Amino acid sequence: MAGLAILRPEQAGFVSLIFQIATLASALQWCHHGIRTRQIKQFLTLTASGETGLLWEDWLPANRPPSLLGSRWMISTKGVFLGLAMAMLGVDLILATAASFCGRLAAVLWLATAGFLLTNPKE
């Protein structure tokens, strides 16, 4: 997307907006599925080895990530989402001759993405 913005600098705001929409959609999907996938794997591994007699409904509440942000891999994934999106905003800022509506909307979507990633209630 950065390459496309460089090739079409007059459309950098629009390209950044499209990138932010894709980032927000991906982040929401990751928030919904990311932690559960790891927990399901952990639970199935324990069940297969015979280490637990608990049901999923009993095991899950006792094995949630201990902090608001979750584990290190969850923090690093959030950093990748937010860092790449911020870099795209930077490309837009460098290439744009004036602050465009699309560029401003892209910044609002970055804030929404950060809000969802940093306050994910499913963790």
PDB file of N, CA and C in Angstrom:
ATOM      1  N   MET A   1       0.824  -1.185   0.000  1.00  0.00           N
ATOM      2  CA  MET A   1       0.000   0.000   0.000  1.00  0.00           C
ATOM      3  C   MET A   1       0.873   1.255   0.000  1.00  0.00           C
ATOM      4  N   ALA A   2       1.993   1.187   0.720  1.00  0.00           N
ATOM      5  CA  ALA A   2       2.893   2.340   0.723  1.00  0.00           C
ATOM      6  C   ALA A   2       3.431   2.584  -0.682  1.00  0.00           C
ATOM      7  N   GLY A   3       3.740   1.515  -1.394  1.00  0.00           N
ATOM      8  CA  GLY A   3       4.210   1.650  -2.771  1.00  0.00           C
ATOM      9  C   GLY A   3       3.163   2.283  -3.666  1.00  0.00           C
ATOM     10  N   LEU A   4       1.922   1.884  -3.477  1.00  0.00           N
ATOM     11  CA  LEU A   4       0.839   2.477  -4.255  1.00  0.00           C
ATOM     12  C   LEU A   4       0.693   3.960  -3.934  1.00  0.00           C
ATOM     13  N   ALA A   5       0.818   4.309  -2.659  1.00  0.00           N
ATOM     14  CA  ALA A   5       0.739   5.721  -2.267  1.00  0.00           C
ATOM     15  C   ALA A   5       1.890   6.516  -2.872  1.00  0.00           C
ATOM     16  N   ILE A   6       3.076   5.911  -2.948  1.00  0.00           N
ATOM     17  CA  ILE A   6       4.229   6.602  -3.537  1.00  0.00           C
ATOM     18  C   ILE A   6       4.029   6.794  -5.040  1.00  0.00           C
ATOM     19  N   LEU A   7       3.464   5.773  -5.693  1.00  0.00           N
ATOM     20  CA  LEU A   7       3.207   5.880  -7.130  1.00  0.00           C
ATOM     21  C   LEU A   7       2.100   6.885  -7.450  1.00  0.00           C
ATOM     22  N   ARG A   8       1.156   7.021  -6.554  1.00  0.00           N
ATOM     23  CA  ARG A   8       0.023   7.940  -6.752  1.00  0.00           C
ATOM     24  C   ARG A   8      -0.084   8.887  -5.559  1.00  0.00           C
ATOM     25  N   PRO A   9       0.858   9.801  -5.385  1.00  0.00           N
ATOM     26  CA  PRO A   9       0.860  10.658  -4.199  1.00  0.00           C
ATOM     27  C   PRO A   9      -0.402  11.508  -4.045  1.00  0.00           C
ATOM     28  N   GLU A  10      -1.064  11.818  -5.148  1.00  0.00           N
ATOM     29  CA  GLU A  10      -2.299  12.601  -5.034  1.00  0.00           C
ATOM     30  C   GLU A  10      -3.429  11.787  -4.398  1.00  0.00           C
ATOM     31  N   GLN A  11      -3.271  10.475  -4.359  1.00  0.00           N
ATOM     32  CA  GLN A  11      -4.262   9.582  -3.754  1.00  0.00           C
ATOM     33  C   GLN A  11      -3.775   8.980  -2.434  1.00  0.00           C
ATOM     34  N   ALA A  12      -2.717   9.538  -1.859  1.00  0.00           N
ATOM     35  CA  ALA A  12      -2.122   8.961  -0.649  1.00  0.00           C
ATOM     36  C   ALA A  12      -3.123   8.886   0.500  1.00  0.00           C
ATOM     37  N   GLY A  13      -3.952   9.898   0.657  1.00  0.00           N
ATOM     38  CA  GLY A  13      -4.961   9.875   1.722  1.00  0.00           C
ATOM     39  C   GLY A  13      -5.954   8.744   1.531  1.00  0.00           C
ATOM     40  N   PHE A  14      -6.409   8.539   0.301  1.00  0.00           N
ATOM     41  CA  PHE A  14      -7.358   7.464   0.019  1.00  0.00           C
ATOM     42  C   PHE A  14      -6.718   6.098   0.239  1.00  0.00           C
ATOM     43  N   VAL A  15      -5.482   5.937  -0.204  1.00  0.00           N
ATOM     44  CA  VAL A  15      -4.764   4.675  -0.001  1.00  0.00           C
ATOM     45  C   VAL A  15      -4.591   4.410   1.498  1.00  0.00           C
ATOM     46  N   SER A  16      -4.239   5.434   2.250  1.00  0.00           N
ATOM     47  CA  SER A  16      -4.098   5.285   3.697  1.00  0.00           C
ATOM     48  C   SER A  16      -5.432   4.905   4.335  1.00  0.00           C
ATOM     49  N   LEU A  17      -6.513   5.501   3.872  1.00  0.00           N
ATOM     50  CA  LEU A  17      -7.840   5.175   4.392  1.00  0.00           C
ATOM     51  C   LEU A  17      -8.178   3.702   4.143  1.00  0.00           C
ATOM     52  N   ILE A  18      -7.921   3.226   2.941  1.00  0.00           N
ATOM     53  CA  ILE A  18      -8.179   1.814   2.620  1.00  0.00           C
ATOM     54  C   ILE A  18      -7.329   0.905   3.509  1.00  0.00           C
ATOM     55  N   PHE A  19      -6.073   1.281   3.713  1.00  0.00           N
ATOM     56  CA  PHE A  19      -5.197   0.490   4.577  1.00  0.00           C
ATOM     57  C   PHE A  19      -5.729   0.458   6.007  1.00  0.00           C
ATOM     58  N   GLN A  20      -6.195   1.598   6.508  1.00  0.00           N
ATOM     59  CA  GLN A  20      -6.724   1.650   7.877  1.00  0.00           C
ATOM     60  C   GLN A  20      -7.986   0.800   8.013  1.00  0.00           C
ATOM     61  N   ILE A  21      -8.835   0.801   6.994  1.00  0.00           N
ATOM     62  CA  ILE A  21     -10.041  -0.035   7.021  1.00  0.00           C
ATOM     63  C   ILE A  21      -9.644  -1.511   7.092  1.00  0.00           C
ATOM     64  N   ALA A  22      -8.673  -1.900   6.278  1.00  0.00           N
ATOM     65  CA  ALA A  22      -8.215  -3.300   6.291  1.00  0.00           C
ATOM     66  C   ALA A  22      -7.576  -3.655   7.633  1.00  0.00           C
ATOM     67  N   THR A  23      -6.817  -2.729   8.197  1.00  0.00           N
ATOM     68  CA  THR A  23      -6.179  -2.972   9.489  1.00  0.00           C
ATOM     69  C   THR A  23      -7.219  -3.121  10.590  1.00  0.00           C
ATOM     70  N   LEU A  24      -8.215  -2.244  10.603  1.00  0.00           N
ATOM     71  CA  LEU A  24      -9.271  -2.332  11.614  1.00  0.00           C
ATOM     72  C   LEU A  24     -10.025  -3.648  11.491  1.00  0.00           C
ATOM     73  N   ALA A  25     -10.362  -4.047  10.272  1.00  0.00           N
ATOM     74  CA  ALA A  25     -11.069  -5.317  10.071  1.00  0.00           C
ATOM     75  C   ALA A  25     -10.228  -6.498  10.542  1.00  0.00           C
ATOM     76  N   SER A  26      -8.947  -6.487  10.210  1.00  0.00           N
ATOM     77  CA  SER A  26      -8.052  -7.571  10.644  1.00  0.00           C
ATOM     78  C   SER A  26      -7.884  -7.594  12.154  1.00  0.00           C
ATOM     79  N   ALA A  27      -7.749  -6.424  12.749  1.00  0.00           N
ATOM     80  CA  ALA A  27      -7.581  -6.341  14.203  1.00  0.00           C
ATOM     81  C   ALA A  27      -8.824  -6.849  14.930  1.00  0.00           C
ATOM     82  N   LEU A  28      -9.998  -6.497  14.439  1.00  0.00           N
ATOM     83  CA  LEU A  28     -11.228  -6.979  15.061  1.00  0.00           C
ATOM     84  C   LEU A  28     -11.329  -8.500  14.955  1.00  0.00           C
ATOM     85  N   GLN A  29     -10.961  -9.034  13.805  1.00  0.00           N
ATOM     86  CA  GLN A  29     -10.968 -10.492  13.625  1.00  0.00           C
ATOM     87  C   GLN A  29      -9.962 -11.146  14.570  1.00  0.00           C
ATOM     88  N   TRP A  30      -8.775 -10.556  14.701  1.00  0.00           N
ATOM     89  CA  TRP A  30      -7.752 -11.095  15.582  1.00  0.00           C
ATOM     90  C   TRP A  30      -8.222 -11.045  17.033  1.00  0.00           C
ATOM     91  N   CYS A  31      -8.833  -9.918  17.423  1.00  0.00           N
ATOM     92  CA  CYS A  31      -9.343  -9.804  18.794  1.00  0.00           C
ATOM     93  C   CYS A  31     -10.351 -10.912  19.081  1.00  0.00           C
ATOM     94  N   HIS A  32     -11.172 -11.206  18.111  1.00  0.00           N
ATOM     95  CA  HIS A  32     -12.228 -12.195  18.318  1.00  0.00           C
ATOM     96  C   HIS A  32     -11.677 -13.618  18.392  1.00  0.00           C
ATOM     97  N   HIS A  33     -10.722 -13.934  17.542  1.00  0.00           N
ATOM     98  CA  HIS A  33     -10.269 -15.328  17.438  1.00  0.00           C
ATOM     99  C   HIS A  33      -8.909 -15.628  18.046  1.00  0.00           C
ATOM    100  N   GLY A  34      -8.025 -14.643  18.134  1.00  0.00           N
ATOM    101  CA  GLY A  34      -6.636 -14.909  18.495  1.00  0.00           C
ATOM    102  C   GLY A  34      -6.435 -15.619  19.819  1.00  0.00           C
ATOM    103  N   ILE A  35      -6.966 -15.079  20.881  1.00  0.00           N
ATOM    104  CA  ILE A  35      -6.722 -15.660  22.194  1.00  0.00           C
ATOM    105  C   ILE A  35      -7.423 -17.005  22.342  1.00  0.00           C
ATOM    106  N   ARG A  36      -8.615 -17.130  21.788  1.00  0.00           N
ATOM    107  CA  ARG A  36      -9.347 -18.395  21.922  1.00  0.00           C
ATOM    108  C   ARG A  36      -8.633 -19.542  21.224  1.00  0.00           C
ATOM    109  N   THR A  37      -8.049 -19.277  20.077  1.00  0.00           N
ATOM    110  CA  THR A  37      -7.339 -20.334  19.361  1.00  0.00           C
ATOM    111  C   THR A  37      -6.228 -20.919  20.221  1.00  0.00           C
ATOM    112  N   ARG A  38      -5.455 -20.048  20.867  1.00  0.00           N
ATOM    113  CA  ARG A  38      -4.374 -20.520  21.731  1.00  0.00           C
ATOM    114  C   ARG A  38      -4.928 -21.284  22.929  1.00  0.00           C
ATOM    115  N   GLN A  39      -6.013 -20.786  23.512  1.00  0.00           N
ATOM    116  CA  GLN A  39      -6.589 -21.452  24.678  1.00  0.00           C
ATOM    117  C   GLN A  39      -7.207 -22.800  24.323  1.00  0.00           C
ATOM    118  N   ILE A  40      -7.844 -22.886  23.173  1.00  0.00           N
ATOM    119  CA  ILE A  40      -8.409 -24.171  22.744  1.00  0.00           C
ATOM    120  C   ILE A  40      -7.289 -25.190  22.557  1.00  0.00           C
ATOM    121  N   LYS A  41      -6.192 -24.772  21.935  1.00  0.00           N
ATOM    122  CA  LYS A  41      -5.044 -25.673  21.755  1.00  0.00           C
ATOM    123  C   LYS A  41      -4.512 -26.145  23.104  1.00  0.00           C
ATOM    124  N   GLN A  42      -4.365 -25.211  24.041  1.00  0.00           N
ATOM    125  CA  GLN A  42      -3.852 -25.567  25.363  1.00  0.00           C
ATOM    126  C   GLN A  42      -4.799 -26.553  26.065  1.00  0.00           C
ATOM    127  N   PHE A  43      -6.088 -26.285  26.002  1.00  0.00           N
ATOM    128  CA  PHE A  43      -7.071 -27.162  26.646  1.00  0.00           C
ATOM    129  C   PHE A  43      -7.078 -28.546  26.004  1.00  0.00           C
ATOM    130  N   LEU A  44      -7.053 -28.611  24.671  1.00  0.00           N
ATOM    131  CA  LEU A  44      -7.052 -29.910  23.988  1.00  0.00           C
ATOM    132  C   LEU A  44      -5.779 -30.703  24.276  1.00  0.00           C
ATOM    133  N   THR A  45      -4.654 -30.001  24.386  1.00  0.00           N
ATOM    134  CA  THR A  45      -3.400 -30.673  24.729  1.00  0.00           C
ATOM    135  C   THR A  45      -3.489 -31.287  26.125  1.00  0.00           C
ATOM    136  N   LEU A  46      -4.031 -30.540  27.072  1.00  0.00           N
ATOM    137  CA  LEU A  46      -4.196 -31.064  28.429  1.00  0.00           C
ATOM    138  C   LEU A  46      -5.189 -32.228  28.457  1.00  0.00           C
ATOM    139  N   THR A  47      -6.272 -32.103  27.722  1.00  0.00           N
ATOM    140  CA  THR A  47      -7.287 -33.152  27.682  1.00  0.00           C
ATOM    141  C   THR A  47      -6.721 -34.428  27.054  1.00  0.00           C
ATOM    142  N   ALA A  48      -5.977 -34.276  25.978  1.00  0.00           N
ATOM    143  CA  ALA A  48      -5.409 -35.436  25.290  1.00  0.00           C
ATOM    144  C   ALA A  48      -4.392 -36.170  26.162  1.00  0.00           C
ATOM    145  N   SER A  49      -3.678 -35.424  27.002  1.00  0.00           N
ATOM    146  CA  SER A  49      -2.686 -36.066  27.861  1.00  0.00           C
ATOM    147  C   SER A  49      -3.309 -36.584  29.161  1.00  0.00           C
ATOM    148  N   GLY A  50      -4.590 -36.340  29.346  1.00  0.00           N
ATOM    149  CA  GLY A  50      -5.282 -36.825  30.537  1.00  0.00           C
ATOM    150  C   GLY A  50      -5.018 -35.999  31.779  1.00  0.00           C
ATOM    151  N   GLU A  51      -4.472 -34.785  31.624  1.00  0.00           N
ATOM    152  CA  GLU A  51      -4.125 -33.963  32.784  1.00  0.00           C
ATOM    153  C   GLU A  51      -5.309 -33.221  33.386  1.00  0.00           C
ATOM    154  N   THR A  52      -6.413 -33.186  32.698  1.00  0.00           N
ATOM    155  CA  THR A  52      -7.551 -32.436  33.225  1.00  0.00           C
ATOM    156  C   THR A  52      -8.835 -33.245  33.098  1.00  0.00           C
ATOM    157  N   GLY A  53      -9.649 -33.157  34.099  1.00  0.00           N
ATOM    158  CA  GLY A  53     -10.964 -33.776  34.048  1.00  0.00           C
ATOM    159  C   GLY A  53     -12.041 -32.716  33.922  1.00  0.00           C
ATOM    160  N   LEU A  54     -11.595 -31.466  33.742  1.00  0.00           N
ATOM    161  CA  LEU A  54     -12.523 -30.353  33.666  1.00  0.00           C
ATOM    162  C   LEU A  54     -13.163 -30.240  32.291  1.00  0.00           C
ATOM    163  N   LEU A  55     -14.301 -29.607  32.283  1.00  0.00           N
ATOM    164  CA  LEU A  55     -14.931 -29.244  31.032  1.00  0.00           C
ATOM    165  C   LEU A  55     -14.410 -27.878  30.600  1.00  0.00           C
ATOM    166  N   TRP A  56     -14.546 -27.552  29.316  1.00  0.00           N
ATOM    167  CA  TRP A  56     -14.108 -26.271  28.775  1.00  0.00           C
ATOM    168  C   TRP A  56     -14.706 -25.104  29.565  1.00  0.00           C
ATOM    169  N   GLU A  57     -15.981 -25.212  29.897  1.00  0.00           N
ATOM    170  CA  GLU A  57     -16.672 -24.137  30.611  1.00  0.00           C
ATOM    171  C   GLU A  57     -16.096 -23.906  32.008  1.00  0.00           C
ATOM    172  N   ASP A  58     -15.529 -24.940  32.609  1.00  0.00           N
ATOM    173  CA  ASP A  58     -14.902 -24.798  33.920  1.00  0.00           C
ATOM    174  C   ASP A  58     -13.447 -24.354  33.796  1.00  0.00           C
ATOM    175  N   TRP A  59     -12.774 -24.878  32.782  1.00  0.00           N
ATOM    176  CA  TRP A  59     -11.348 -24.599  32.610  1.00  0.00           C
ATOM    177  C   TRP A  59     -11.092 -23.168  32.157  1.00  0.00           C
ATOM    178  N   LEU A  60     -11.886 -22.659  31.225  1.00  0.00           N
ATOM    179  CA  LEU A  60     -11.643 -21.347  30.634  1.00  0.00           C
ATOM    180  C   LEU A  60     -11.587 -20.207  31.652  1.00  0.00           C
ATOM    181  N   PRO A  61     -12.571 -20.056  32.551  1.00  0.00           N
ATOM    182  CA  PRO A  61     -12.493 -18.933  33.495  1.00  0.00           C
ATOM    183  C   PRO A  61     -11.267 -18.977  34.411  1.00  0.00           C
ATOM    184  N   ALA A  62     -10.765 -20.158  34.673  1.00  0.00           N
ATOM    185  CA  ALA A  62      -9.602 -20.291  35.553  1.00  0.00           C
ATOM    186  C   ALA A  62      -8.277 -20.064  34.823  1.00  0.00           C
ATOM    187  N   ASN A  63      -8.305 -19.950  33.497  1.00  0.00           N
ATOM    188  CA  ASN A  63      -7.068 -19.848  32.710  1.00  0.00           C
ATOM    189  C   ASN A  63      -7.065 -18.660  31.760  1.00  0.00           C
ATOM    190  N   ARG A  64      -7.551 -17.549  32.188  1.00  0.00           N
ATOM    191  CA  ARG A  64      -7.528 -16.330  31.364  1.00  0.00           C
ATOM    192  C   ARG A  64      -6.165 -15.645  31.510  1.00  0.00           C
ATOM    193  N   PRO A  65      -5.744 -14.873  30.485  1.00  0.00           N
ATOM    194  CA  PRO A  65      -4.493 -14.114  30.630  1.00  0.00           C
ATOM    195  C   PRO A  65      -4.593 -13.187  31.836  1.00  0.00           C
ATOM    196  N   PRO A  66      -3.534 -13.057  32.620  1.00  0.00           N
ATOM    197  CA  PRO A  66      -3.596 -12.336  33.891  1.00  0.00           C
ATOM    198  C   PRO A  66      -3.626 -10.812  33.803  1.00  0.00           C
ATOM    199  N   SER A  67      -3.298 -10.230  32.654  1.00  0.00           N
ATOM    200  CA  SER A  67      -3.221  -8.770  32.612  1.00  0.00           C
ATOM    201  C   SER A  67      -4.162  -8.190  31.564  1.00  0.00           C
ATOM    202  N   LEU A  68      -4.357  -6.884  31.614  1.00  0.00           N
ATOM    203  CA  LEU A  68      -5.237  -6.207  30.675  1.00  0.00           C
ATOM    204  C   LEU A  68      -4.768  -6.383  29.240  1.00  0.00           C
ATOM    205  N   LEU A  69      -3.475  -6.275  29.009  1.00  0.00           N
ATOM    206  CA  LEU A  69      -2.959  -6.386  27.648  1.00  0.00           C
ATOM    207  C   LEU A  69      -2.711  -7.821  27.215  1.00  0.00           C
ATOM    208  N   GLY A  70      -2.689  -8.758  28.134  1.00  0.00           N
ATOM    209  CA  GLY A  70      -2.447 -10.147  27.764  1.00  0.00           C
ATOM    210  C   GLY A  70      -0.960 -10.477  27.767  1.00  0.00           C
ATOM    211  N   SER A  71      -0.622 -11.572  27.134  1.00  0.00           N
ATOM    212  CA  SER A  71       0.758 -12.042  27.126  1.00  0.00           C
ATOM    213  C   SER A  71       1.620 -11.225  26.165  1.00  0.00           C
ATOM    214  N   ARG A  72       2.929 -11.499  26.190  1.00  0.00           N
ATOM    215  CA  ARG A  72       3.858 -10.755  25.330  1.00  0.00           C
ATOM    216  C   ARG A  72       3.539 -10.921  23.860  1.00  0.00           C
ATOM    217  N   TRP A  73       3.171 -12.149  23.422  1.00  0.00           N
ATOM    218  CA  TRP A  73       2.891 -12.310  21.992  1.00  0.00           C
ATOM    219  C   TRP A  73       1.661 -11.519  21.594  1.00  0.00           C
ATOM    220  N   MET A  74       0.723 -11.346  22.520  1.00  0.00           N
ATOM    221  CA  MET A  74      -0.451 -10.553  22.202  1.00  0.00           C
ATOM    222  C   MET A  74      -0.077  -9.077  22.113  1.00  0.00           C
ATOM    223  N   ILE A  75       0.816  -8.630  22.975  1.00  0.00           N
ATOM    224  CA  ILE A  75       1.265  -7.235  22.934  1.00  0.00           C
ATOM    225  C   ILE A  75       2.043  -6.992  21.645  1.00  0.00           C
ATOM    226  N   SER A  76       2.905  -7.927  21.250  1.00  0.00           N
ATOM    227  CA  SER A  76       3.689  -7.730  20.033  1.00  0.00           C
ATOM    228  C   SER A  76       2.791  -7.719  18.800  1.00  0.00           C
ATOM    229  N   THR A  77       1.750  -8.535  18.778  1.00  0.00           N
ATOM    230  CA  THR A  77       0.829  -8.528  17.648  1.00  0.00           C
ATOM    231  C   THR A  77       0.101  -7.198  17.577  1.00  0.00           C
ATOM    232  N   LYS A  78      -0.311  -6.680  18.715  1.00  0.00           N
ATOM    233  CA  LYS A  78      -0.964  -5.375  18.744  1.00  0.00           C
ATOM    234  C   LYS A  78      -0.008  -4.305  18.232  1.00  0.00           C
ATOM    235  N   GLY A  79       1.268  -4.415  18.586  1.00  0.00           N
ATOM    236  CA  GLY A  79       2.266  -3.466  18.110  1.00  0.00           C
ATOM    237  C   GLY A  79       2.438  -3.515  16.602  1.00  0.00           C
ATOM    238  N   VAL A  80       2.363  -4.715  16.037  1.00  0.00           N
ATOM    239  CA  VAL A  80       2.471  -4.851  14.581  1.00  0.00           C
ATOM    240  C   VAL A  80       1.283  -4.176  13.908  1.00  0.00           C
ATOM    241  N   PHE A  81       0.074  -4.473  14.376  1.00  0.00           N
ATOM    242  CA  PHE A  81      -1.109  -3.838  13.796  1.00  0.00           C
ATOM    243  C   PHE A  81      -1.004  -2.313  13.869  1.00  0.00           C
ATOM    244  N   LEU A  82      -0.747  -1.801  15.060  1.00  0.00           N
ATOM    245  CA  LEU A  82      -0.734  -0.355  15.252  1.00  0.00           C
ATOM    246  C   LEU A  82       0.479   0.308  14.603  1.00  0.00           C
ATOM    247  N   GLY A  83       1.622  -0.366  14.645  1.00  0.00           N
ATOM    248  CA  GLY A  83       2.835   0.197  14.053  1.00  0.00           C
ATOM    249  C   GLY A  83       2.752   0.323  12.540  1.00  0.00           C
ATOM    250  N   LEU A  84       2.273  -0.727  11.879  1.00  0.00           N
ATOM    251  CA  LEU A  84       2.139  -0.661  10.420  1.00  0.00           C
ATOM    252  C   LEU A  84       1.106   0.382  10.007  1.00  0.00           C
ATOM    253  N   ALA A  85       0.013   0.434  10.754  1.00  0.00           N
ATOM    254  CA  ALA A  85      -1.017   1.426  10.440  1.00  0.00           C
ATOM    255  C   ALA A  85      -0.486   2.844  10.654  1.00  0.00           C
ATOM    256  N   MET A  86       0.300   3.051  11.711  1.00  0.00           N
ATOM    257  CA  MET A  86       0.892   4.366  11.962  1.00  0.00           C
ATOM    258  C   MET A  86       1.903   4.709  10.865  1.00  0.00           C
ATOM    259  N   ALA A  87       2.656   3.729  10.409  1.00  0.00           N
ATOM    260  CA  ALA A  87       3.610   3.972   9.323  1.00  0.00           C
ATOM    261  C   ALA A  87       2.880   4.412   8.054  1.00  0.00           C
ATOM    262  N   MET A  88       1.738   3.798   7.776  1.00  0.00           N
ATOM    263  CA  MET A  88       0.966   4.196   6.600  1.00  0.00           C
ATOM    264  C   MET A  88       0.446   5.625   6.753  1.00  0.00           C
ATOM    265  N   LEU A  89       0.043   5.987   7.970  1.00  0.00           N
ATOM    266  CA  LEU A  89      -0.351   7.382   8.202  1.00  0.00           C
ATOM    267  C   LEU A  89       0.829   8.323   7.965  1.00  0.00           C
ATOM    268  N   GLY A  90       2.014   7.883   8.346  1.00  0.00           N
ATOM    269  CA  GLY A  90       3.218   8.685   8.110  1.00  0.00           C
ATOM    270  C   GLY A  90       3.498   8.868   6.634  1.00  0.00           C
ATOM    271  N   VAL A  91       3.329   7.803   5.849  1.00  0.00           N
ATOM    272  CA  VAL A  91       3.512   7.907   4.396  1.00  0.00           C
ATOM    273  C   VAL A  91       2.524   8.918   3.831  1.00  0.00           C
ATOM    274  N   ASP A  92       1.272   8.825   4.289  1.00  0.00           N
ATOM    275  CA  ASP A  92       0.263   9.784   3.832  1.00  0.00           C
ATOM    276  C   ASP A  92       0.659  11.203   4.203  1.00  0.00           C
ATOM    277  N   LEU A  93       1.134  11.405   5.404  1.00  0.00           N
ATOM    278  CA  LEU A  93       1.517  12.734   5.868  1.00  0.00           C
ATOM    279  C   LEU A  93       2.682  13.296   5.055  1.00  0.00           C
ATOM    280  N   ILE A  94       3.634  12.445   4.730  1.00  0.00           N
ATOM    281  CA  ILE A  94       4.799  12.886   3.953  1.00  0.00           C
ATOM    282  C   ILE A  94       4.408  13.230   2.515  1.00  0.00           C
ATOM    283  N   LEU A  95       3.533  12.411   1.919  1.00  0.00           N
ATOM    284  CA  LEU A  95       3.186  12.593   0.510  1.00  0.00           C
ATOM    285  C   LEU A  95       2.087  13.623   0.270  1.00  0.00           C
ATOM    286  N   ALA A  96       1.220  13.798   1.229  1.00  0.00           N
ATOM    287  CA  ALA A  96       0.088  14.706   1.029  1.00  0.00           C
ATOM    288  C   ALA A  96       0.549  16.156   1.063  1.00  0.00           C
ATOM    289  N   THR A  97       0.024  16.935   0.155  1.00  0.00           N
ATOM    290  CA  THR A  97       0.358  18.356   0.150  1.00  0.00           C
ATOM    291  C   THR A  97      -0.529  19.118   1.127  1.00  0.00           C
ATOM    292  N   ALA A  98      -1.682  18.568   1.438  1.00  0.00           N
ATOM    293  CA  ALA A  98      -2.586  19.173   2.429  1.00  0.00           C
ATOM    294  C   ALA A  98      -3.333  18.045   3.126  1.00  0.00           C
ATOM    295  N   ALA A  99      -3.775  18.307   4.338  1.00  0.00           N
ATOM    296  CA  ALA A  99      -4.526  17.296   5.083  1.00  0.00           C
ATOM    297  C   ALA A  99      -5.854  17.050   4.366  1.00  0.00           C
ATOM    298  N   SER A 100      -6.048  15.845   3.902  1.00  0.00           N
ATOM    299  CA  SER A 100      -7.268  15.512   3.172  1.00  0.00           C
ATOM    300  C   SER A 100      -8.307  14.917   4.115  1.00  0.00           C
ATOM    301  N   PHE A 101      -9.532  14.890   3.647  1.00  0.00           N
ATOM    302  CA  PHE A 101     -10.601  14.270   4.420  1.00  0.00           C
ATOM    303  C   PHE A 101     -10.289  12.796   4.643  1.00  0.00           C
ATOM    304  N   CYS A 102      -9.814  12.122   3.601  1.00  0.00           N
ATOM    305  CA  CYS A 102      -9.472  10.695   3.718  1.00  0.00           C
ATOM    306  C   CYS A 102      -8.358  10.482   4.734  1.00  0.00           C
ATOM    307  N   GLY A 103      -7.366  11.369   4.718  1.00  0.00           N
ATOM    308  CA  GLY A 103      -6.269  11.259   5.677  1.00  0.00           C
ATOM    309  C   GLY A 103      -6.747  11.432   7.106  1.00  0.00           C
ATOM    310  N   ARG A 104      -7.649  12.388   7.315  1.00  0.00           N
ATOM    311  CA  ARG A 104      -8.204  12.598   8.660  1.00  0.00           C
ATOM    312  C   ARG A 104      -9.041  11.399   9.100  1.00  0.00           C
ATOM    313  N   LEU A 105      -9.852  10.887   8.182  1.00  0.00           N
ATOM    314  CA  LEU A 105     -10.665   9.709   8.495  1.00  0.00           C
ATOM    315  C   LEU A 105      -9.776   8.503   8.781  1.00  0.00           C
ATOM    316  N   ALA A 106      -8.665   8.375   8.064  1.00  0.00           N
ATOM    317  CA  ALA A 106      -7.710   7.289   8.312  1.00  0.00           C
ATOM    318  C   ALA A 106      -7.150   7.392   9.728  1.00  0.00           C
ATOM    319  N   ALA A 107      -6.853   8.603  10.184  1.00  0.00           N
ATOM    320  CA  ALA A 107      -6.343   8.789  11.546  1.00  0.00           C
ATOM    321  C   ALA A 107      -7.399   8.406  12.579  1.00  0.00           C
ATOM    322  N   VAL A 108      -8.662   8.737  12.311  1.00  0.00           N
ATOM    323  CA  VAL A 108      -9.748   8.345  13.219  1.00  0.00           C
ATOM    324  C   VAL A 108      -9.862   6.822  13.277  1.00  0.00           C
ATOM    325  N   LEU A 109      -9.724   6.161  12.131  1.00  0.00           N
ATOM    326  CA  LEU A 109      -9.785   4.693  12.116  1.00  0.00           C
ATOM    327  C   LEU A 109      -8.598   4.084  12.856  1.00  0.00           C
ATOM    328  N   TRP A 110      -7.430   4.731  12.793  1.00  0.00           N
ATOM    329  CA  TRP A 110      -6.285   4.241  13.565  1.00  0.00           C
ATOM    330  C   TRP A 110      -6.609   4.303  15.056  1.00  0.00           C
ATOM    331  N   LEU A 111      -7.213   5.397  15.488  1.00  0.00           N
ATOM    332  CA  LEU A 111      -7.600   5.525  16.898  1.00  0.00           C
ATOM    333  C   LEU A 111      -8.617   4.459  17.290  1.00  0.00           C
ATOM    334  N   ALA A 112      -9.556   4.174  16.409  1.00  0.00           N
ATOM    335  CA  ALA A 112     -10.544   3.125  16.691  1.00  0.00           C
ATOM    336  C   ALA A 112      -9.856   1.762  16.802  1.00  0.00           C
ATOM    337  N   THR A 113      -8.918   1.495  15.911  1.00  0.00           N
ATOM    338  CA  THR A 113      -8.176   0.234  15.964  1.00  0.00           C
ATOM    339  C   THR A 113      -7.417   0.120  17.280  1.00  0.00           C
ATOM    340  N   ALA A 114      -6.738   1.196  17.674  1.00  0.00           N
ATOM    341  CA  ALA A 114      -6.005   1.193  18.948  1.00  0.00           C
ATOM    342  C   ALA A 114      -6.959   0.959  20.113  1.00  0.00           C
ATOM    343  N   GLY A 115      -8.102   1.590  20.057  1.00  0.00           N
ATOM    344  CA  GLY A 115      -9.088   1.398  21.125  1.00  0.00           C
ATOM    345  C   GLY A 115      -9.543  -0.043  21.246  1.00  0.00           C
ATOM    346  N   PHE A 116      -9.851  -0.670  20.124  1.00  0.00           N
ATOM    347  CA  PHE A 116     -10.276  -2.063  20.170  1.00  0.00           C
ATOM    348  C   PHE A 116      -9.162  -2.985  20.637  1.00  0.00           C
ATOM    349  N   LEU A 117      -7.938  -2.764  20.137  1.00  0.00           N
ATOM    350  CA  LEU A 117      -6.831  -3.643  20.501  1.00  0.00           C
ATOM    351  C   LEU A 117      -6.428  -3.492  21.966  1.00  0.00           C
ATOM    352  N   LEU A 118      -6.469  -2.299  22.483  1.00  0.00           N
ATOM    353  CA  LEU A 118      -5.986  -2.062  23.844  1.00  0.00           C
ATOM    354  C   LEU A 118      -7.048  -2.274  24.924  1.00  0.00           C
ATOM    355  N   THR A 119      -8.288  -2.431  24.526  1.00  0.00           N
ATOM    356  CA  THR A 119      -9.356  -2.682  25.503  1.00  0.00           C
ATOM    357  C   THR A 119     -10.151  -3.924  25.138  1.00  0.00           C
ATOM    358  N   ASN A 120      -9.485  -4.905  24.567  1.00  0.00           N
ATOM    359  CA  ASN A 120     -10.153  -6.122  24.120  1.00  0.00           C
ATOM    360  C   ASN A 120     -10.750  -6.865  25.319  1.00  0.00           C
ATOM    361  N   PRO A 121     -12.073  -6.911  25.440  1.00  0.00           N
ATOM    362  CA  PRO A 121     -12.689  -7.527  26.609  1.00  0.00           C
ATOM    363  C   PRO A 121     -12.610  -9.048  26.646  1.00  0.00           C
ATOM    364  N   LYS A 122     -12.221  -9.681  25.535  1.00  0.00           N
ATOM    365  CA  LYS A 122     -12.196 -11.138  25.492  1.00  0.00           C
ATOM    366  C   LYS A 122     -10.909 -11.722  26.049  1.00  0.00           C
ATOM    367  N   GLU A 123      -9.965 -10.877  26.421  1.00  0.00           N
ATOM    368  CA  GLU A 123      -8.684 -11.403  26.910  1.00  0.00           C
ATOM    369  C   GLU A 123      -8.756 -11.706  28.376  1.00  0.00           C
TER     370      GLU A 123
END
